[in-house]
Amino acid sequence: MAVEVSEGQLDGLTFVGQTLAPLFLEDPLADGAGVVLDAFASLEVTEAANEWPFVLPSEIEPSLEKMRKGASGDRAEASEAYRRLFIGPGRKEASPWGSVYTDRDGVMFGSTEIALHDWLSANGVSVSGGHALPDDHIGTMLQLMAWLAVQRPELVRTFLEAHFLTWASHYLELLRSVSRHPLYEGLAEVTDATLSGVSSSLQLNVQPARFYR
């Protein structure tokens, strides 16, 4: 029998999603990411590690320090890293869409993305933005996690077990390995450790996807 997600856990999911999503979705030179980067640049790391949900302080403090260092540095350099990893031109070193890794052909609109889109539609959830990009962007998934925790908590477990945590750790390890910038190395580590803690805390039954990249 599934364990009910507590109010405190839902609050934690909301915080994590809202805090980390902008760093995956926006260039560091954009206003939305800039606000979050300013907060990380002034972070009291030990205090933040003690308050971060789902993980022990010792698990997260070194990675938060990397994020603080990266956020405090040259934003133009962070922007260059962002474009290299997520945007291009050319091959993205850490393409942010899940189906790129779970589809045999490495396409953005692969079977796992289609399954996510169909599940969201069946439950009356629409991903906003007015664009034709896939729903399984790592930043969009974090936003969805936060939104579901507030608006549709009954869907949170299925979202995490069947659509997000199936590929997130694989992707975040890749991002960490190719980041070459403290902001994104720390971001990958913080996100991965937190989602692993989410899985344990909620006692999720996650079946990892098959990966082709």
Protein backbone atom coordinates (compact mmCIF):
# COMPACT_ATOMS: atom_id res chain seq x y z
CA MET A 1 0.00 0.00 0.00
CA ALA A 2 1.37 3.42 -1.00
CA VAL A 3 2.42 5.68 1.84
CA GLU A 4 0.54 8.98 1.85
CA VAL A 5 2.66 12.01 1.07
CA SER A 6 2.67 14.27 4.12
CA GLU A 7 2.13 18.01 4.11
CA GLY A 8 5.75 18.54 5.09
CA GLN A 9 6.96 16.39 2.21
CA LEU A 10 4.74 18.26 -0.22
CA ASP A 11 6.18 21.55 1.06
CA GLY A 12 9.67 20.18 0.50
CA LEU A 13 8.84 19.14 -3.07
CA THR A 14 7.44 22.58 -3.76
CA PHE A 15 10.55 24.30 -2.41
CA VAL A 16 12.95 22.08 -4.33
CA GLY A 17 11.09 22.40 -7.62
CA GLN A 18 10.63 26.14 -7.42
CA THR A 19 14.23 26.76 -6.32
CA LEU A 20 16.07 24.57 -8.83
CA ALA A 21 13.87 24.69 -11.95
CA PRO A 22 14.83 28.25 -13.04
CA LEU A 23 18.51 27.30 -13.17
CA PHE A 24 17.75 24.57 -15.71
CA LEU A 25 15.22 26.61 -17.67
CA GLU A 26 16.86 30.01 -18.01
CA ASP A 27 20.18 31.44 -19.11
CA PRO A 28 22.08 32.94 -16.14
CA LEU A 29 21.90 36.33 -17.83
CA ALA A 30 18.08 36.21 -17.90
CA ASP A 31 16.12 37.92 -15.14
CA GLY A 32 14.40 34.78 -13.85
CA ALA A 33 17.61 32.88 -13.30
CA GLY A 34 19.38 36.00 -12.07
CA VAL A 35 17.13 36.32 -9.04
CA VAL A 36 17.86 32.72 -8.01
CA LEU A 37 21.58 33.11 -8.71
CA ASP A 38 21.70 36.22 -6.52
CA ALA A 39 20.17 34.17 -3.71
CA PHE A 40 22.72 31.39 -4.14
CA ALA A 41 25.59 33.87 -4.37
CA SER A 42 24.71 35.21 -0.91
CA LEU A 43 23.96 31.77 0.53
CA GLU A 44 25.00 30.87 4.07
CA VAL A 45 25.95 27.37 3.00
CA THR A 46 25.99 25.56 6.35
CA GLU A 47 22.64 27.03 7.35
CA ALA A 48 21.13 26.19 3.96
CA ALA A 49 22.43 22.62 4.16
CA ASN A 50 20.81 22.18 7.55
CA GLU A 51 17.46 23.37 6.20
CA TRP A 52 17.51 21.62 2.80
CA PRO A 53 14.76 18.98 2.61
CA PHE A 54 15.19 15.23 2.05
CA VAL A 55 18.98 15.09 2.56
CA LEU A 56 21.49 15.14 5.39
CA PRO A 57 23.53 18.35 5.66
CA SER A 58 26.78 16.45 5.03
CA GLU A 59 25.37 15.12 1.76
CA ILE A 60 24.49 18.52 0.37
CA GLU A 61 26.84 21.12 1.85
CA PRO A 62 29.81 20.65 -0.55
CA SER A 63 27.49 20.82 -3.55
CA LEU A 64 25.73 23.93 -2.28
CA GLU A 65 29.16 25.51 -1.86
CA LYS A 66 29.89 24.78 -5.53
CA MET A 67 26.63 26.46 -6.47
CA ARG A 68 27.45 29.47 -4.29
CA LYS A 69 30.87 29.76 -5.92
CA GLY A 70 29.43 29.42 -9.41
CA ALA A 71 26.64 31.91 -8.75
CA SER A 72 29.17 34.40 -7.36
CA GLY A 73 31.37 34.24 -10.44
CA ASP A 74 31.21 35.79 -13.90
CA ARG A 75 27.63 35.46 -15.17
CA ALA A 76 28.83 35.58 -18.78
CA GLU A 77 30.96 32.49 -18.15
CA ALA A 78 27.98 30.76 -16.53
CA SER A 79 25.89 31.72 -19.56
CA GLU A 80 28.46 30.18 -21.90
CA ALA A 81 28.32 26.96 -19.88
CA TYR A 82 24.52 27.01 -19.95
CA ARG A 83 24.43 27.32 -23.73
CA ARG A 84 27.07 24.61 -24.20
CA LEU A 85 25.17 22.20 -21.97
CA PHE A 86 21.53 22.88 -22.80
CA ILE A 87 21.08 25.09 -25.87
CA GLY A 88 23.79 24.77 -28.53
CA PRO A 89 24.32 25.67 -31.34
CA GLY A 90 25.37 22.24 -32.37
CA ARG A 91 25.28 19.19 -30.16
CA LYS A 92 24.11 19.90 -26.62
CA GLU A 93 26.50 18.27 -24.15
CA ALA A 94 23.68 17.62 -21.67
CA SER A 95 20.45 17.81 -23.65
CA PRO A 96 17.79 18.50 -21.00
CA TRP A 97 15.00 16.26 -22.39
CA GLY A 98 14.52 12.83 -20.89
CA SER A 99 13.53 10.95 -24.03
CA VAL A 100 16.88 11.81 -25.65
CA TYR A 101 18.30 9.20 -23.27
CA THR A 102 15.43 6.71 -23.05
CA ASP A 103 14.50 6.46 -26.74
CA ARG A 104 16.49 4.11 -28.98
CA ASP A 105 16.75 6.79 -31.66
CA GLY A 106 17.64 9.55 -29.18
CA VAL A 107 14.80 11.79 -30.27
CA MET A 108 13.16 14.53 -28.22
CA PHE A 109 9.59 13.32 -28.74
CA GLY A 110 10.28 9.71 -27.78
CA SER A 111 7.98 7.12 -26.25
CA THR A 112 8.60 8.17 -22.64
CA GLU A 113 7.81 11.80 -23.47
CA ILE A 114 4.63 10.73 -25.24
CA ALA A 115 3.64 8.63 -22.22
CA LEU A 116 4.19 11.64 -19.95
CA HIS A 117 2.21 13.94 -22.23
CA ASP A 118 -0.67 11.45 -22.43
CA TRP A 119 -0.68 10.99 -18.65
CA LEU A 120 -0.75 14.73 -18.04
CA SER A 121 -3.56 15.16 -20.56
CA ALA A 122 -5.58 12.31 -19.06
CA ASN A 123 -5.33 14.04 -15.68
CA GLY A 124 -6.21 17.48 -17.00
CA VAL A 125 -2.73 18.94 -16.49
CA SER A 126 -1.41 21.33 -19.13
CA VAL A 127 2.21 22.40 -19.29
CA SER A 128 2.15 26.15 -19.86
CA GLY A 129 4.50 28.12 -22.05
CA GLY A 130 2.83 28.22 -25.43
CA HIS A 131 5.62 26.31 -27.13
CA ALA A 132 5.91 23.08 -29.08
CA LEU A 133 8.82 21.68 -27.09
CA PRO A 134 8.57 18.35 -25.24
CA ASP A 135 7.25 18.28 -21.68
CA ASP A 136 10.14 16.19 -20.29
CA HIS A 137 12.69 18.99 -19.92
CA ILE A 138 14.49 18.52 -16.57
CA GLY A 139 13.51 22.04 -15.50
CA THR A 140 9.90 21.60 -16.57
CA MET A 141 9.75 18.33 -14.64
CA LEU A 142 10.93 20.12 -11.50
CA GLN A 143 8.29 22.80 -12.07
CA LEU A 144 5.66 20.11 -12.53
CA MET A 145 6.75 18.41 -9.32
CA ALA A 146 6.30 21.67 -7.42
CA TRP A 147 2.95 22.43 -9.09
CA LEU A 148 1.55 18.96 -8.47
CA ALA A 149 2.63 19.11 -4.83
CA VAL A 150 0.43 22.18 -4.38
CA GLN A 151 -2.42 21.62 -6.82
CA ARG A 152 -2.70 17.86 -7.38
CA PRO A 153 -0.91 16.05 -4.55
CA GLU A 154 -2.72 12.80 -5.35
CA LEU A 155 -0.70 12.64 -8.59
CA VAL A 156 2.73 13.22 -7.08
CA ARG A 157 3.69 9.60 -6.46
CA THR A 158 2.81 8.41 -9.95
CA PHE A 159 4.56 11.38 -11.53
CA LEU A 160 7.75 10.64 -9.64
CA GLU A 161 7.65 6.85 -9.93
CA ALA A 162 6.60 6.50 -13.55
CA HIS A 163 7.70 9.67 -15.32
CA PHE A 164 10.49 11.60 -13.59
CA LEU A 165 12.74 9.57 -11.32
CA THR A 166 12.95 6.84 -13.94
CA TRP A 167 15.58 8.87 -15.82
CA ALA A 168 16.52 11.85 -13.64
CA SER A 169 19.54 10.34 -11.86
CA HIS A 170 21.02 9.03 -15.11
CA TYR A 171 20.72 12.45 -16.66
CA LEU A 172 22.05 14.33 -13.65
CA GLU A 173 25.14 12.13 -13.48
CA LEU A 174 25.81 12.94 -17.14
CA LEU A 175 25.32 16.65 -16.46
CA ARG A 176 27.72 16.52 -13.53
CA SER A 177 30.39 14.79 -15.61
CA VAL A 178 30.32 17.29 -18.48
CA SER A 179 29.48 20.50 -16.59
CA ARG A 180 32.98 22.01 -16.25
CA HIS A 181 31.46 24.86 -14.26
CA PRO A 182 30.88 24.88 -10.48
CA LEU A 183 27.31 26.18 -10.79
CA TYR A 184 26.14 23.30 -12.96
CA GLU A 185 28.28 20.67 -11.29
CA GLY A 186 26.78 21.69 -7.95
CA LEU A 187 23.29 21.95 -9.45
CA ALA A 188 23.50 18.40 -10.81
CA GLU A 189 24.72 17.07 -7.45
CA VAL A 190 22.15 18.95 -5.38
CA THR A 191 19.29 17.89 -7.63
CA ASP A 192 20.40 14.26 -7.76
CA ALA A 193 20.94 13.96 -4.00
CA THR A 194 17.62 15.64 -3.29
CA LEU A 195 15.63 13.44 -5.67
CA SER A 196 17.31 10.35 -4.22
CA GLY A 197 16.20 11.57 -0.80
CA VAL A 198 12.70 12.15 -2.14
CA SER A 199 12.55 8.54 -3.35
CA SER A 200 13.61 7.23 0.05
CA SER A 201 11.43 9.58 2.06
CA LEU A 202 8.29 8.82 0.06
CA GLN A 203 9.18 5.11 -0.20
CA LEU A 204 8.78 5.21 -3.96
CA ASN A 205 8.99 2.18 -6.21
CA VAL A 206 10.94 3.54 -9.17
CA GLN A 207 11.84 1.28 -12.08
CA PRO A 208 14.75 2.89 -14.00
CA ALA A 209 14.26 3.31 -17.71
CA ARG A 210 16.48 1.66 -20.31
CA PHE A 211 19.09 4.13 -21.52
CA TYR A 212 20.62 4.43 -24.97
CA ARG A 213 22.92 7.36 -24.23
